[in-house]
Amino acid sequence: MFDFSLSEFLVVGVVAVAAIGPKEMPVVVRKIAKFVRTIRHFVDNAKREVLDAVEGLDDAPPKREGEKPRRFILADDGHYREVFDISEVLEETKTAKAEPVSKEQP
């Protein structure tokens, strides 16, 4: 994340000791560590809440009894498309009774 070398940390430490003083340095380091812990805790909680909210989302409509699960495939354009079994459609058309088509002239 941050690209600091050991020599840069040493320079920062020497400047901090010179500016703050050796007696107050442990107190300041504890306060900084507490602040960093608080920020990490806040970020972890925010991540957890977002993941819980995303997992709770269900885009699919409620499933009815006896209904087969829907299947999807990722298309080339990056969107999901529903996959249909053509044999089921053909069976439905065979079992459906053909209704006569009337050609009415106006």
PDB file of N, CA and C in Angstrom:
ATOM      1  N   MET A   1       0.833  -1.180   0.000  1.00  0.00           N
ATOM      2  CA  MET A   1       0.000   0.000   0.000  1.00  0.00           C
ATOM      3  C   MET A   1       0.881   1.248   0.000  1.00  0.00           C
ATOM      4  N   PHE A   2       1.631   1.472   1.084  1.00  0.00           N
ATOM      5  CA  PHE A   2       2.575   2.577   1.126  1.00  0.00           C
ATOM      6  C   PHE A   2       3.957   2.004   0.891  1.00  0.00           C
ATOM      7  N   ASP A   3       4.724   2.684   0.096  1.00  0.00           N
ATOM      8  CA  ASP A   3       6.046   2.187  -0.241  1.00  0.00           C
ATOM      9  C   ASP A   3       7.101   2.967   0.543  1.00  0.00           C
ATOM     10  N   PHE A   4       7.258   2.615   1.838  1.00  0.00           N
ATOM     11  CA  PHE A   4       8.255   3.247   2.699  1.00  0.00           C
ATOM     12  C   PHE A   4       9.377   2.267   2.948  1.00  0.00           C
ATOM     13  N   SER A   5      10.603   2.776   2.920  1.00  0.00           N
ATOM     14  CA  SER A   5      11.748   1.934   3.239  1.00  0.00           C
ATOM     15  C   SER A   5      12.106   2.114   4.714  1.00  0.00           C
ATOM     16  N   LEU A   6      13.002   1.279   5.193  1.00  0.00           N
ATOM     17  CA  LEU A   6      13.410   1.342   6.599  1.00  0.00           C
ATOM     18  C   LEU A   6      14.066   2.675   6.915  1.00  0.00           C
ATOM     19  N   SER A   7      14.866   3.204   5.996  1.00  0.00           N
ATOM     20  CA  SER A   7      15.537   4.483   6.259  1.00  0.00           C
ATOM     21  C   SER A   7      14.525   5.623   6.389  1.00  0.00           C
ATOM     22  N   GLU A   8      13.432   5.580   5.604  1.00  0.00           N
ATOM     23  CA  GLU A   8      12.402   6.617   5.716  1.00  0.00           C
ATOM     24  C   GLU A   8      11.685   6.533   7.057  1.00  0.00           C
ATOM     25  N   PHE A   9      11.423   5.307   7.533  1.00  0.00           N
ATOM     26  CA  PHE A   9      10.812   5.163   8.854  1.00  0.00           C
ATOM     27  C   PHE A   9      11.729   5.700   9.952  1.00  0.00           C
ATOM     28  N   LEU A  10      13.029   5.454   9.824  1.00  0.00           N
ATOM     29  CA  LEU A  10      13.982   5.951  10.811  1.00  0.00           C
ATOM     30  C   LEU A  10      14.016   7.479  10.829  1.00  0.00           C
ATOM     31  N   VAL A  11      13.980   8.098   9.663  1.00  0.00           N
ATOM     32  CA  VAL A  11      13.970   9.565   9.595  1.00  0.00           C
ATOM     33  C   VAL A  11      12.717  10.112  10.257  1.00  0.00           C
ATOM     34  N   VAL A  12      11.563   9.511   9.968  1.00  0.00           N
ATOM     35  CA  VAL A  12      10.307   9.951  10.583  1.00  0.00           C
ATOM     36  C   VAL A  12      10.377   9.771  12.101  1.00  0.00           C
ATOM     37  N   GLY A  13      10.940   8.653  12.548  1.00  0.00           N
ATOM     38  CA  GLY A  13      11.071   8.409  13.987  1.00  0.00           C
ATOM     39  C   GLY A  13      11.971   9.412  14.677  1.00  0.00           C
ATOM     40  N   VAL A  14      13.093   9.743  14.074  1.00  0.00           N
ATOM     41  CA  VAL A  14      14.025  10.718  14.658  1.00  0.00           C
ATOM     42  C   VAL A  14      13.385  12.099  14.714  1.00  0.00           C
ATOM     43  N   VAL A  15      12.688  12.489  13.647  1.00  0.00           N
ATOM     44  CA  VAL A  15      12.013  13.790  13.639  1.00  0.00           C
ATOM     45  C   VAL A  15      10.904  13.818  14.692  1.00  0.00           C
ATOM     46  N   ALA A  16      10.167  12.708  14.836  1.00  0.00           N
ATOM     47  CA  ALA A  16       9.095  12.651  15.827  1.00  0.00           C
ATOM     48  C   ALA A  16       9.656  12.752  17.239  1.00  0.00           C
ATOM     49  N   VAL A  17      10.748  12.062  17.525  1.00  0.00           N
ATOM     50  CA  VAL A  17      11.359  12.139  18.857  1.00  0.00           C
ATOM     51  C   VAL A  17      11.862  13.557  19.116  1.00  0.00           C
ATOM     52  N   ALA A  18      12.426  14.200  18.113  1.00  0.00           N
ATOM     53  CA  ALA A  18      12.931  15.564  18.285  1.00  0.00           C
ATOM     54  C   ALA A  18      11.783  16.544  18.489  1.00  0.00           C
ATOM     55  N   ALA A  19      10.672  16.364  17.769  1.00  0.00           N
ATOM     56  CA  ALA A  19       9.552  17.300  17.867  1.00  0.00           C
ATOM     57  C   ALA A  19       8.715  17.063  19.118  1.00  0.00           C
ATOM     58  N   ILE A  20       8.452  15.817  19.437  1.00  0.00           N
ATOM     59  CA  ILE A  20       7.561  15.486  20.552  1.00  0.00           C
ATOM     60  C   ILE A  20       8.341  15.363  21.855  1.00  0.00           C
ATOM     61  N   GLY A  21       9.478  14.790  21.791  1.00  0.00           N
ATOM     62  CA  GLY A  21      10.269  14.562  22.995  1.00  0.00           C
ATOM     63  C   GLY A  21      10.209  13.097  23.373  1.00  0.00           C
ATOM     64  N   PRO A  22      11.301  12.596  23.950  1.00  0.00           N
ATOM     65  CA  PRO A  22      11.343  11.170  24.273  1.00  0.00           C
ATOM     66  C   PRO A  22      10.377  10.757  25.377  1.00  0.00           C
ATOM     67  N   LYS A  23       9.990  11.677  26.256  1.00  0.00           N
ATOM     68  CA  LYS A  23       9.085  11.320  27.354  1.00  0.00           C
ATOM     69  C   LYS A  23       7.643  11.144  26.864  1.00  0.00           C
ATOM     70  N   GLU A  24       7.227  11.975  25.927  1.00  0.00           N
ATOM     71  CA  GLU A  24       5.852  11.923  25.420  1.00  0.00           C
ATOM     72  C   GLU A  24       5.672  10.938  24.270  1.00  0.00           C
ATOM     73  N   MET A  25       6.780  10.430  23.719  1.00  0.00           N
ATOM     74  CA  MET A  25       6.707   9.547  22.553  1.00  0.00           C
ATOM     75  C   MET A  25       5.855   8.300  22.788  1.00  0.00           C
ATOM     76  N   PRO A  26       5.980   7.570  23.902  1.00  0.00           N
ATOM     77  CA  PRO A  26       5.132   6.386  24.105  1.00  0.00           C
ATOM     78  C   PRO A  26       3.634   6.713  24.150  1.00  0.00           C
ATOM     79  N   VAL A  27       3.290   7.846  24.720  1.00  0.00           N
ATOM     80  CA  VAL A  27       1.885   8.248  24.795  1.00  0.00           C
ATOM     81  C   VAL A  27       1.348   8.527  23.391  1.00  0.00           C
ATOM     82  N   VAL A  28       2.117   9.230  22.589  1.00  0.00           N
ATOM     83  CA  VAL A  28       1.685   9.557  21.230  1.00  0.00           C
ATOM     84  C   VAL A  28       1.573   8.293  20.388  1.00  0.00           C
ATOM     85  N   VAL A  29       2.527   7.374  20.525  1.00  0.00           N
ATOM     86  CA  VAL A  29       2.481   6.130  19.757  1.00  0.00           C
ATOM     87  C   VAL A  29       1.247   5.318  20.139  1.00  0.00           C
ATOM     88  N   ARG A  30       0.916   5.259  21.445  1.00  0.00           N
ATOM     89  CA  ARG A  30      -0.293   4.537  21.871  1.00  0.00           C
ATOM     90  C   ARG A  30      -1.547   5.169  21.277  1.00  0.00           C
ATOM     91  N   LYS A  31      -1.610   6.505  21.269  1.00  0.00           N
ATOM     92  CA  LYS A  31      -2.785   7.187  20.711  1.00  0.00           C
ATOM     93  C   LYS A  31      -2.909   6.915  19.208  1.00  0.00           C
ATOM     94  N   ILE A  32      -1.783   6.944  18.503  1.00  0.00           N
ATOM     95  CA  ILE A  32      -1.814   6.655  17.061  1.00  0.00           C
ATOM     96  C   ILE A  32      -2.248   5.211  16.823  1.00  0.00           C
ATOM     97  N   ALA A  33      -1.730   4.271  17.618  1.00  0.00           N
ATOM     98  CA  ALA A  33      -2.107   2.861  17.465  1.00  0.00           C
ATOM     99  C   ALA A  33      -3.592   2.664  17.754  1.00  0.00           C
ATOM    100  N   LYS A  34      -4.115   3.361  18.765  1.00  0.00           N
ATOM    101  CA  LYS A  34      -5.545   3.258  19.079  1.00  0.00           C
ATOM    102  C   LYS A  34      -6.388   3.810  17.929  1.00  0.00           C
ATOM    103  N   PHE A  35      -5.949   4.925  17.353  1.00  0.00           N
ATOM    104  CA  PHE A  35      -6.661   5.513  16.220  1.00  0.00           C
ATOM    105  C   PHE A  35      -6.671   4.557  15.025  1.00  0.00           C
ATOM    106  N   VAL A  36      -5.530   3.952  14.729  1.00  0.00           N
ATOM    107  CA  VAL A  36      -5.442   3.007  13.603  1.00  0.00           C
ATOM    108  C   VAL A  36      -6.342   1.804  13.863  1.00  0.00           C
ATOM    109  N   ARG A  37      -6.365   1.279  15.104  1.00  0.00           N
ATOM    110  CA  ARG A  37      -7.252   0.157  15.437  1.00  0.00           C
ATOM    111  C   ARG A  37      -8.714   0.534  15.250  1.00  0.00           C
ATOM    112  N   THR A  38      -9.079   1.752  15.663  1.00  0.00           N
ATOM    113  CA  THR A  38     -10.464   2.208  15.520  1.00  0.00           C
ATOM    114  C   THR A  38     -10.854   2.294  14.044  1.00  0.00           C
ATOM    115  N   ILE A  39      -9.974   2.834  13.218  1.00  0.00           N
ATOM    116  CA  ILE A  39     -10.257   2.937  11.779  1.00  0.00           C
ATOM    117  C   ILE A  39     -10.382   1.550  11.155  1.00  0.00           C
ATOM    118  N   ARG A  40      -9.480   0.630  11.510  1.00  0.00           N
ATOM    119  CA  ARG A  40      -9.562  -0.738  10.964  1.00  0.00           C
ATOM    120  C   ARG A  40     -10.858  -1.419  11.395  1.00  0.00           C
ATOM    121  N   HIS A  41     -11.249  -1.225  12.657  1.00  0.00           N
ATOM    122  CA  HIS A  41     -12.495  -1.822  13.150  1.00  0.00           C
ATOM    123  C   HIS A  41     -13.687  -1.260  12.378  1.00  0.00           C
ATOM    124  N   PHE A  42     -13.688   0.051  12.154  1.00  0.00           N
ATOM    125  CA  PHE A  42     -14.762   0.684  11.403  1.00  0.00           C
ATOM    126  C   PHE A  42     -14.841   0.130   9.981  1.00  0.00           C
ATOM    127  N   VAL A  43     -13.695   0.010   9.308  1.00  0.00           N
ATOM    128  CA  VAL A  43     -13.665  -0.499   7.927  1.00  0.00           C
ATOM    129  C   VAL A  43     -14.117  -1.957   7.887  1.00  0.00           C
ATOM    130  N   ASP A  44     -13.667  -2.767   8.846  1.00  0.00           N
ATOM    131  CA  ASP A  44     -14.089  -4.175   8.873  1.00  0.00           C
ATOM    132  C   ASP A  44     -15.597  -4.300   9.073  1.00  0.00           C
ATOM    133  N   ASN A  45     -16.159  -3.490   9.965  1.00  0.00           N
ATOM    134  CA  ASN A  45     -17.607  -3.529  10.179  1.00  0.00           C
ATOM    135  C   ASN A  45     -18.363  -3.084   8.933  1.00  0.00           C
ATOM    136  N   ALA A  46     -17.870  -2.046   8.265  1.00  0.00           N
ATOM    137  CA  ALA A  46     -18.527  -1.574   7.043  1.00  0.00           C
ATOM    138  C   ALA A  46     -18.487  -2.648   5.965  1.00  0.00           C
ATOM    139  N   LYS A  47     -17.340  -3.320   5.806  1.00  0.00           N
ATOM    140  CA  LYS A  47     -17.241  -4.411   4.829  1.00  0.00           C
ATOM    141  C   LYS A  47     -18.222  -5.519   5.147  1.00  0.00           C
ATOM    142  N   ARG A  48     -18.281  -5.902   6.423  1.00  0.00           N
ATOM    143  CA  ARG A  48     -19.162  -6.985   6.840  1.00  0.00           C
ATOM    144  C   ARG A  48     -20.625  -6.630   6.569  1.00  0.00           C
ATOM    145  N   GLU A  49     -21.021  -5.388   6.861  1.00  0.00           N
ATOM    146  CA  GLU A  49     -22.410  -4.981   6.633  1.00  0.00           C
ATOM    147  C   GLU A  49     -22.755  -4.962   5.148  1.00  0.00           C
ATOM    148  N   VAL A  50     -21.827  -4.498   4.325  1.00  0.00           N
ATOM    149  CA  VAL A  50     -22.081  -4.474   2.878  1.00  0.00           C
ATOM    150  C   VAL A  50     -22.203  -5.897   2.346  1.00  0.00           C
ATOM    151  N   LEU A  51     -21.302  -6.793   2.760  1.00  0.00           N
ATOM    152  CA  LEU A  51     -21.382  -8.183   2.299  1.00  0.00           C
ATOM    153  C   LEU A  51     -22.664  -8.854   2.768  1.00  0.00           C
ATOM    154  N   ASP A  52     -23.093  -8.598   4.001  1.00  0.00           N
ATOM    155  CA  ASP A  52     -24.351  -9.166   4.492  1.00  0.00           C
ATOM    156  C   ASP A  52     -25.534  -8.635   3.693  1.00  0.00           C
ATOM    157  N   ALA A  53     -25.496  -7.351   3.352  1.00  0.00           N
ATOM    158  CA  ALA A  53     -26.599  -6.766   2.578  1.00  0.00           C
ATOM    159  C   ALA A  53     -26.638  -7.348   1.174  1.00  0.00           C
ATOM    160  N   VAL A  54     -25.472  -7.537   0.566  1.00  0.00           N
ATOM    161  CA  VAL A  54     -25.427  -8.090  -0.789  1.00  0.00           C
ATOM    162  C   VAL A  54     -25.887  -9.540  -0.793  1.00  0.00           C
ATOM    163  N   GLU A  55     -25.479 -10.313   0.200  1.00  0.00           N
ATOM    164  CA  GLU A  55     -25.901 -11.710   0.270  1.00  0.00           C
ATOM    165  C   GLU A  55     -27.396 -11.830   0.525  1.00  0.00           C
ATOM    166  N   GLY A  56     -27.987 -10.833   1.171  1.00  0.00           N
ATOM    167  CA  GLY A  56     -29.412 -10.870   1.469  1.00  0.00           C
ATOM    168  C   GLY A  56     -30.283 -10.550   0.275  1.00  0.00           C
ATOM    169  N   LEU A  57     -29.697  -9.981  -0.767  1.00  0.00           N
ATOM    170  CA  LEU A  57     -30.477  -9.642  -1.947  1.00  0.00           C
ATOM    171  C   LEU A  57     -30.827 -10.905  -2.716  1.00  0.00           C
ATOM    172  N   ASP A  58     -32.046 -10.962  -3.187  1.00  0.00           N
ATOM    173  CA  ASP A  58     -32.457 -12.096  -4.005  1.00  0.00           C
ATOM    174  C   ASP A  58     -33.252 -11.540  -5.168  1.00  0.00           C
ATOM    175  N   ASP A  59     -32.613 -11.504  -6.337  1.00  0.00           N
ATOM    176  CA  ASP A  59     -33.255 -10.928  -7.515  1.00  0.00           C
ATOM    177  C   ASP A  59     -34.317 -11.837  -8.120  1.00  0.00           C
ATOM    178  N   ALA A  60     -34.227 -13.113  -7.832  1.00  0.00           N
ATOM    179  CA  ALA A  60     -35.164 -14.059  -8.430  1.00  0.00           C
ATOM    180  C   ALA A  60     -36.523 -13.955  -7.739  1.00  0.00           C
ATOM    181  N   PRO A  61     -37.598 -14.103  -8.504  1.00  0.00           N
ATOM    182  CA  PRO A  61     -38.914 -14.097  -7.880  1.00  0.00           C
ATOM    183  C   PRO A  61     -39.086 -15.340  -7.007  1.00  0.00           C
ATOM    184  N   PRO A  62     -40.021 -15.298  -6.071  1.00  0.00           N
ATOM    185  CA  PRO A  62     -40.210 -16.470  -5.207  1.00  0.00           C
ATOM    186  C   PRO A  62     -40.542 -17.714  -6.015  1.00  0.00           C
ATOM    187  N   LYS A  63     -39.964 -18.822  -5.628  1.00  0.00           N
ATOM    188  CA  LYS A  63     -40.148 -20.078  -6.352  1.00  0.00           C
ATOM    189  C   LYS A  63     -41.466 -20.733  -5.943  1.00  0.00           C
ATOM    190  N   ARG A  64     -42.196 -21.184  -6.948  1.00  0.00           N
ATOM    191  CA  ARG A  64     -43.452 -21.883  -6.675  1.00  0.00           C
ATOM    192  C   ARG A  64     -43.178 -23.374  -6.559  1.00  0.00           C
ATOM    193  N   GLU A  65     -44.076 -24.072  -5.888  1.00  0.00           N
ATOM    194  CA  GLU A  65     -43.900 -25.517  -5.726  1.00  0.00           C
ATOM    195  C   GLU A  65     -43.962 -26.205  -7.085  1.00  0.00           C
ATOM    196  N   GLY A  66     -43.074 -27.157  -7.302  1.00  0.00           N
ATOM    197  CA  GLY A  66     -43.046 -27.910  -8.539  1.00  0.00           C
ATOM    198  C   GLY A  66     -42.376 -27.184  -9.686  1.00  0.00           C
ATOM    199  N   GLU A  67     -41.945 -25.964  -9.463  1.00  0.00           N
ATOM    200  CA  GLU A  67     -41.297 -25.196 -10.519  1.00  0.00           C
ATOM    201  C   GLU A  67     -39.824 -25.571 -10.605  1.00  0.00           C
ATOM    202  N   LYS A  68     -39.342 -25.756 -11.812  1.00  0.00           N
ATOM    203  CA  LYS A  68     -37.942 -26.119 -11.995  1.00  0.00           C
ATOM    204  C   LYS A  68     -37.059 -24.900 -11.747  1.00  0.00           C
ATOM    205  N   PRO A  69     -35.847 -25.122 -11.263  1.00  0.00           N
ATOM    206  CA  PRO A  69     -34.942 -23.987 -11.055  1.00  0.00           C
ATOM    207  C   PRO A  69     -34.545 -23.361 -12.384  1.00  0.00           C
ATOM    208  N   ARG A  70     -34.352 -22.052 -12.367  1.00  0.00           N
ATOM    209  CA  ARG A  70     -33.971 -21.348 -13.587  1.00  0.00           C
ATOM    210  C   ARG A  70     -32.469 -21.473 -13.781  1.00  0.00           C
ATOM    211  N   ARG A  71     -32.044 -21.546 -15.042  1.00  0.00           N
ATOM    212  CA  ARG A  71     -30.621 -21.653 -15.354  1.00  0.00           C
ATOM    213  C   ARG A  71     -30.215 -20.444 -16.188  1.00  0.00           C
ATOM    214  N   PHE A  72     -29.006 -19.951 -15.908  1.00  0.00           N
ATOM    215  CA  PHE A  72     -28.508 -18.779 -16.612  1.00  0.00           C
ATOM    216  C   PHE A  72     -27.117 -19.054 -17.158  1.00  0.00           C
ATOM    217  N   ILE A  73     -26.754 -18.311 -18.189  1.00  0.00           N
ATOM    218  CA  ILE A  73     -25.423 -18.413 -18.788  1.00  0.00           C
ATOM    219  C   ILE A  73     -24.920 -16.986 -19.005  1.00  0.00           C
ATOM    220  N   LEU A  74     -23.616 -16.807 -18.870  1.00  0.00           N
ATOM    221  CA  LEU A  74     -23.013 -15.495 -19.083  1.00  0.00           C
ATOM    222  C   LEU A  74     -22.770 -15.305 -20.574  1.00  0.00           C
ATOM    223  N   ALA A  75     -23.425 -14.309 -21.146  1.00  0.00           N
ATOM    224  CA  ALA A  75     -23.296 -14.041 -22.581  1.00  0.00           C
ATOM    225  C   ALA A  75     -22.009 -13.273 -22.857  1.00  0.00           C
ATOM    226  N   ASP A  76     -21.676 -13.146 -24.128  1.00  0.00           N
ATOM    227  CA  ASP A  76     -20.459 -12.454 -24.538  1.00  0.00           C
ATOM    228  C   ASP A  76     -20.470 -10.974 -24.154  1.00  0.00           C
ATOM    229  N   ASP A  77     -21.660 -10.388 -24.054  1.00  0.00           N
ATOM    230  CA  ASP A  77     -21.742  -8.968 -23.725  1.00  0.00           C
ATOM    231  C   ASP A  77     -21.636  -8.706 -22.218  1.00  0.00           C
ATOM    232  N   GLY A  78     -21.465  -9.768 -21.418  1.00  0.00           N
ATOM    233  CA  GLY A  78     -21.284  -9.606 -19.977  1.00  0.00           C
ATOM    234  C   GLY A  78     -22.572  -9.689 -19.180  1.00  0.00           C
ATOM    235  N   HIS A  79     -23.703  -9.883 -19.821  1.00  0.00           N
ATOM    236  CA  HIS A  79     -24.986  -9.999 -19.128  1.00  0.00           C
ATOM    237  C   HIS A  79     -25.384 -11.471 -19.028  1.00  0.00           C
ATOM    238  N   TYR A  80     -26.156 -11.783 -18.008  1.00  0.00           N
ATOM    239  CA  TYR A  80     -26.647 -13.143 -17.850  1.00  0.00           C
ATOM    240  C   TYR A  80     -27.934 -13.316 -18.643  1.00  0.00           C
ATOM    241  N   ARG A  81     -28.036 -14.441 -19.333  1.00  0.00           N
ATOM    242  CA  ARG A  81     -29.228 -14.773 -20.114  1.00  0.00           C
ATOM    243  C   ARG A  81     -29.788 -16.087 -19.593  1.00  0.00           C
ATOM    244  N   GLU A  82     -31.112 -16.182 -19.585  1.00  0.00           N
ATOM    245  CA  GLU A  82     -31.748 -17.409 -19.107  1.00  0.00           C
ATOM    246  C   GLU A  82     -31.640 -18.488 -20.185  1.00  0.00           C
ATOM    247  N   VAL A  83     -31.357 -19.710 -19.752  1.00  0.00           N
ATOM    248  CA  VAL A  83     -31.211 -20.840 -20.657  1.00  0.00           C
ATOM    249  C   VAL A  83     -32.509 -21.646 -20.617  1.00  0.00           C
ATOM    250  N   PHE A  84     -33.046 -21.945 -21.795  1.00  0.00           N
ATOM    251  CA  PHE A  84     -34.264 -22.723 -21.886  1.00  0.00           C
ATOM    252  C   PHE A  84     -33.955 -24.069 -22.525  1.00  0.00           C
ATOM    253  N   ASP A  85     -34.691 -25.082 -22.104  1.00  0.00           N
ATOM    254  CA  ASP A  85     -34.566 -26.401 -22.706  1.00  0.00           C
ATOM    255  C   ASP A  85     -35.623 -26.492 -23.801  1.00  0.00           C
ATOM    256  N   ILE A  86     -35.217 -26.545 -25.042  1.00  0.00           N
ATOM    257  CA  ILE A  86     -36.142 -26.521 -26.173  1.00  0.00           C
ATOM    258  C   ILE A  86     -37.042 -27.749 -26.200  1.00  0.00           C
ATOM    259  N   SER A  87     -36.572 -28.863 -25.631  1.00  0.00           N
ATOM    260  CA  SER A  87     -37.409 -30.067 -25.643  1.00  0.00           C
ATOM    261  C   SER A  87     -38.675 -29.858 -24.807  1.00  0.00           C
ATOM    262  N   GLU A  88     -38.567 -29.083 -23.733  1.00  0.00           N
ATOM    263  CA  GLU A  88     -39.754 -28.793 -22.921  1.00  0.00           C
ATOM    264  C   GLU A  88     -40.751 -27.966 -23.715  1.00  0.00           C
ATOM    265  N   VAL A  89     -40.269 -27.011 -24.480  1.00  0.00           N
ATOM    266  CA  VAL A  89     -41.147 -26.164 -25.283  1.00  0.00           C
ATOM    267  C   VAL A  89     -41.819 -26.986 -26.364  1.00  0.00           C
ATOM    268  N   LEU A  90     -41.070 -27.884 -26.993  1.00  0.00           N
ATOM    269  CA  LEU A  90     -41.645 -28.720 -28.042  1.00  0.00           C
ATOM    270  C   LEU A  90     -42.713 -29.649 -27.480  1.00  0.00           C
ATOM    271  N   GLU A  91     -42.489 -30.205 -26.306  1.00  0.00           N
ATOM    272  CA  GLU A  91     -43.491 -31.073 -25.692  1.00  0.00           C
ATOM    273  C   GLU A  91     -44.763 -30.306 -25.382  1.00  0.00           C
ATOM    274  N   GLU A  92     -44.623 -29.072 -24.926  1.00  0.00           N
ATOM    275  CA  GLU A  92     -45.799 -28.258 -24.611  1.00  0.00           C
ATOM    276  C   GLU A  92     -46.609 -27.969 -25.870  1.00  0.00           C
ATOM    277  N   THR A  93     -45.934 -27.729 -26.965  1.00  0.00           N
ATOM    278  CA  THR A  93     -46.666 -27.438 -28.200  1.00  0.00           C
ATOM    279  C   THR A  93     -47.339 -28.687 -28.755  1.00  0.00           C
ATOM    280  N   LYS A  94     -46.744 -29.851 -28.547  1.00  0.00           N
ATOM    281  CA  LYS A  94     -47.360 -31.098 -29.019  1.00  0.00           C
ATOM    282  C   LYS A  94     -48.602 -31.427 -28.205  1.00  0.00           C
ATOM    283  N   THR A  95     -48.547 -31.191 -26.915  1.00  0.00           N
ATOM    284  CA  THR A  95     -49.677 -31.544 -26.059  1.00  0.00           C
ATOM    285  C   THR A  95     -50.792 -30.519 -26.131  1.00  0.00           C
ATOM    286  N   ALA A  96     -50.481 -29.298 -26.528  1.00  0.00           N
ATOM    287  CA  ALA A  96     -51.520 -28.267 -26.618  1.00  0.00           C
ATOM    288  C   ALA A  96     -52.421 -28.569 -27.816  1.00  0.00           C
ATOM    289  N   LYS A  97     -53.690 -28.371 -27.611  1.00  0.00           N
ATOM    290  CA  LYS A  97     -54.640 -28.605 -28.697  1.00  0.00           C
ATOM    291  C   LYS A  97     -54.591 -27.439 -29.673  1.00  0.00           C
ATOM    292  N   ALA A  98     -54.580 -27.774 -30.908  1.00  0.00           N
ATOM    293  CA  ALA A  98     -54.540 -26.744 -31.942  1.00  0.00           C
ATOM    294  C   ALA A  98     -55.918 -26.105 -32.049  1.00  0.00           C
ATOM    295  N   GLU A  99     -55.928 -24.808 -31.987  1.00  0.00           N
ATOM    296  CA  GLU A  99     -57.201 -24.085 -32.146  1.00  0.00           C
ATOM    297  C   GLU A  99     -57.344 -23.669 -33.598  1.00  0.00           C
ATOM    298  N   PRO A 100     -58.533 -23.859 -34.143  1.00  0.00           N
ATOM    299  CA  PRO A 100     -58.709 -23.456 -35.548  1.00  0.00           C
ATOM    300  C   PRO A 100     -58.593 -21.948 -35.708  1.00  0.00           C
ATOM    301  N   VAL A 101     -57.958 -21.579 -36.767  1.00  0.00           N
ATOM    302  CA  VAL A 101     -57.785 -20.160 -37.058  1.00  0.00           C
ATOM    303  C   VAL A 101     -58.874 -19.756 -38.038  1.00  0.00           C
ATOM    304  N   SER A 102     -59.619 -18.767 -37.646  1.00  0.00           N
ATOM    305  CA  SER A 102     -60.698 -18.325 -38.535  1.00  0.00           C
ATOM    306  C   SER A 102     -60.226 -17.089 -39.295  1.00  0.00           C
ATOM    307  N   LYS A 103     -60.497 -17.098 -40.551  1.00  0.00           N
ATOM    308  CA  LYS A 103     -60.133 -15.952 -41.381  1.00  0.00           C
ATOM    309  C   LYS A 103     -61.397 -15.169 -41.651  1.00  0.00           C
ATOM    310  N   GLU A 104     -61.545 -14.139 -40.862  1.00  0.00           N
ATOM    311  CA  GLU A 104     -62.733 -13.314 -41.033  1.00  0.00           C
ATOM    312  C   GLU A 104     -62.403 -12.150 -41.960  1.00  0.00           C
ATOM    313  N   GLN A 105     -63.299 -11.920 -42.856  1.00  0.00           N
ATOM    314  CA  GLN A 105     -63.142 -10.801 -43.775  1.00  0.00           C
ATOM    315  C   GLN A 105     -63.903  -9.607 -43.222  1.00  0.00           C
ATOM    316  N   PRO A 106     -63.306  -8.452 -43.200  1.00  0.00           N
ATOM    317  CA  PRO A 106     -64.049  -7.267 -42.704  1.00  0.00           C
ATOM    318  C   PRO A 106     -65.064  -6.735 -43.671  1.00  0.00           C
TER     319      PRO A 106
END
